[in-house]
Amino acid sequence: MTGQLPTRITIELHPGDGAGGWTARTAVVDSGLATPAPHAAEPREEAPVPAAYEPAPCTCLEDGGCDADHAND
């Protein structure tokens, strides 16, 4: 797997003879070097596993029951 380095774009403003008095010059430097992406190492110790989500009972204050699907919110 390789990663692509970003292209550097430079915009410079120089005094000019136009109505606005400034001229923009753009320089594009394409580094374009493909670099190998670092490989992720295996964990040295077992990582903790998050607890499973267990929905709690509905505490909505609506009269006539709650129609919300709290298990999938």
C-alpha atoms as a PDB file:
ATOM      1  CA  MET A   1       0.000   0.000   0.000  1.00  0.00           C
ATOM      2  CA  THR A   2       1.360   3.432  -0.886  1.00  0.00           C
ATOM      3  CA  GLY A   3       0.299   6.930   0.038  1.00  0.00           C
ATOM      4  CA  GLN A   4       0.323   9.966  -2.213  1.00  0.00           C
ATOM      5  CA  LEU A   5       1.863  13.171  -0.908  1.00  0.00           C
ATOM      6  CA  PRO A   6      -0.220  16.300  -1.503  1.00  0.00           C
ATOM      7  CA  THR A   7       0.515  18.777  -4.265  1.00  0.00           C
ATOM      8  CA  ARG A   8       1.679  22.185  -3.083  1.00  0.00           C
ATOM      9  CA  ILE A   9      -0.055  25.176  -4.687  1.00  0.00           C
ATOM     10  CA  THR A  10       1.306  28.680  -4.033  1.00  0.00           C
ATOM     11  CA  ILE A  11      -0.530  31.852  -5.061  1.00  0.00           C
ATOM     12  CA  GLU A  12       1.527  35.049  -4.897  1.00  0.00           C
ATOM     13  CA  LEU A  13       0.288  38.613  -5.392  1.00  0.00           C
ATOM     14  CA  HIS A  14       2.663  41.051  -7.096  1.00  0.00           C
ATOM     15  CA  PRO A  15       2.183  44.756  -7.860  1.00  0.00           C
ATOM     16  CA  GLY A  16       1.061  45.180 -11.452  1.00  0.00           C
ATOM     17  CA  ASP A  17      -0.236  47.662 -14.004  1.00  0.00           C
ATOM     18  CA  GLY A  18      -3.855  46.491 -14.041  1.00  0.00           C
ATOM     19  CA  ALA A  19      -6.899  48.415 -12.814  1.00  0.00           C
ATOM     20  CA  GLY A  20      -6.637  46.709  -9.435  1.00  0.00           C
ATOM     21  CA  GLY A  21      -2.884  47.187  -9.287  1.00  0.00           C
ATOM     22  CA  TRP A  22      -2.115  43.544  -8.427  1.00  0.00           C
ATOM     23  CA  THR A  23      -1.241  40.479 -10.485  1.00  0.00           C
ATOM     24  CA  ALA A  24      -1.667  36.935  -9.208  1.00  0.00           C
ATOM     25  CA  ARG A  25       0.968  34.339 -10.037  1.00  0.00           C
ATOM     26  CA  THR A  26       0.365  30.679  -9.344  1.00  0.00           C
ATOM     27  CA  ALA A  27       3.066  28.070  -8.828  1.00  0.00           C
ATOM     28  CA  VAL A  28       2.224  24.370  -8.640  1.00  0.00           C
ATOM     29  CA  VAL A  29       4.849  22.060  -7.175  1.00  0.00           C
ATOM     30  CA  ASP A  30       3.883  18.429  -7.616  1.00  0.00           C
ATOM     31  CA  SER A  31       5.937  16.431  -5.175  1.00  0.00           C
ATOM     32  CA  GLY A  32       4.218  13.316  -6.531  1.00  0.00           C
ATOM     33  CA  LEU A  33       6.344  10.964  -4.494  1.00  0.00           C
ATOM     34  CA  ALA A  34       4.643   7.751  -3.581  1.00  0.00           C
ATOM     35  CA  THR A  35       5.603   6.761  -0.077  1.00  0.00           C
ATOM     36  CA  PRO A  36       4.917   3.390   1.460  1.00  0.00           C
ATOM     37  CA  ALA A  37       2.270   3.555   4.160  1.00  0.00           C
ATOM     38  CA  PRO A  38       3.359   2.319   7.562  1.00  0.00           C
ATOM     39  CA  HIS A  39       2.068  -1.097   8.489  1.00  0.00           C
ATOM     40  CA  ALA A  40      -0.025  -1.371  11.605  1.00  0.00           C
ATOM     41  CA  ALA A  41       1.527  -3.584  14.223  1.00  0.00           C
ATOM     42  CA  GLU A  42      -0.367  -6.318  15.981  1.00  0.00           C
ATOM     43  CA  PRO A  43      -1.463  -5.347  19.487  1.00  0.00           C
ATOM     44  CA  ARG A  44       0.873  -6.661  22.154  1.00  0.00           C
ATOM     45  CA  GLU A  45      -1.891  -7.276  24.647  1.00  0.00           C
ATOM     46  CA  GLU A  46      -5.561  -7.982  24.324  1.00  0.00           C
ATOM     47  CA  ALA A  47      -7.580  -4.820  23.757  1.00  0.00           C
ATOM     48  CA  PRO A  48     -10.682  -4.258  25.866  1.00  0.00           C
ATOM     49  CA  VAL A  49     -13.966  -4.968  24.099  1.00  0.00           C
ATOM     50  CA  PRO A  50     -16.761  -2.423  24.629  1.00  0.00           C
ATOM     51  CA  ALA A  51     -19.868  -3.669  26.391  1.00  0.00           C
ATOM     52  CA  ALA A  52     -22.895  -4.516  24.273  1.00  0.00           C
ATOM     53  CA  TYR A  53     -25.646  -1.904  24.163  1.00  0.00           C
ATOM     54  CA  GLU A  54     -28.701  -2.873  26.142  1.00  0.00           C
ATOM     55  CA  PRO A  55     -31.662  -0.488  25.829  1.00  0.00           C
ATOM     56  CA  ALA A  56     -33.151   0.763  29.071  1.00  0.00           C
ATOM     57  CA  PRO A  57     -36.888   0.948  29.695  1.00  0.00           C
ATOM     58  CA  CYS A  58     -38.662   3.893  28.070  1.00  0.00           C
ATOM     59  CA  THR A  59     -38.911   6.973  30.277  1.00  0.00           C
ATOM     60  CA  CYS A  60     -40.763   9.221  27.813  1.00  0.00           C
ATOM     61  CA  LEU A  61     -43.375  11.479  29.376  1.00  0.00           C
ATOM     62  CA  GLU A  62     -45.980  11.104  26.626  1.00  0.00           C
ATOM     63  CA  ASP A  63     -49.549  10.118  27.453  1.00  0.00           C
ATOM     64  CA  GLY A  64     -50.809   6.979  25.774  1.00  0.00           C
ATOM     65  CA  GLY A  65     -47.452   5.255  25.459  1.00  0.00           C
ATOM     66  CA  CYS A  66     -44.386   5.907  23.405  1.00  0.00           C
ATOM     67  CA  ASP A  67     -44.101   4.943  19.733  1.00  0.00           C
ATOM     68  CA  ALA A  68     -40.353   5.599  19.476  1.00  0.00           C
ATOM     69  CA  ASP A  69     -38.058   2.751  18.555  1.00  0.00           C
ATOM     70  CA  HIS A  70     -35.600   3.194  21.433  1.00  0.00           C
ATOM     71  CA  ALA A  71     -33.806  -0.061  20.692  1.00  0.00           C
ATOM     72  CA  ASN A  72     -32.589   1.390  17.364  1.00  0.00           C
ATOM     73  CA  ASP A  73     -32.078   5.066  18.295  1.00  0.00           C
END
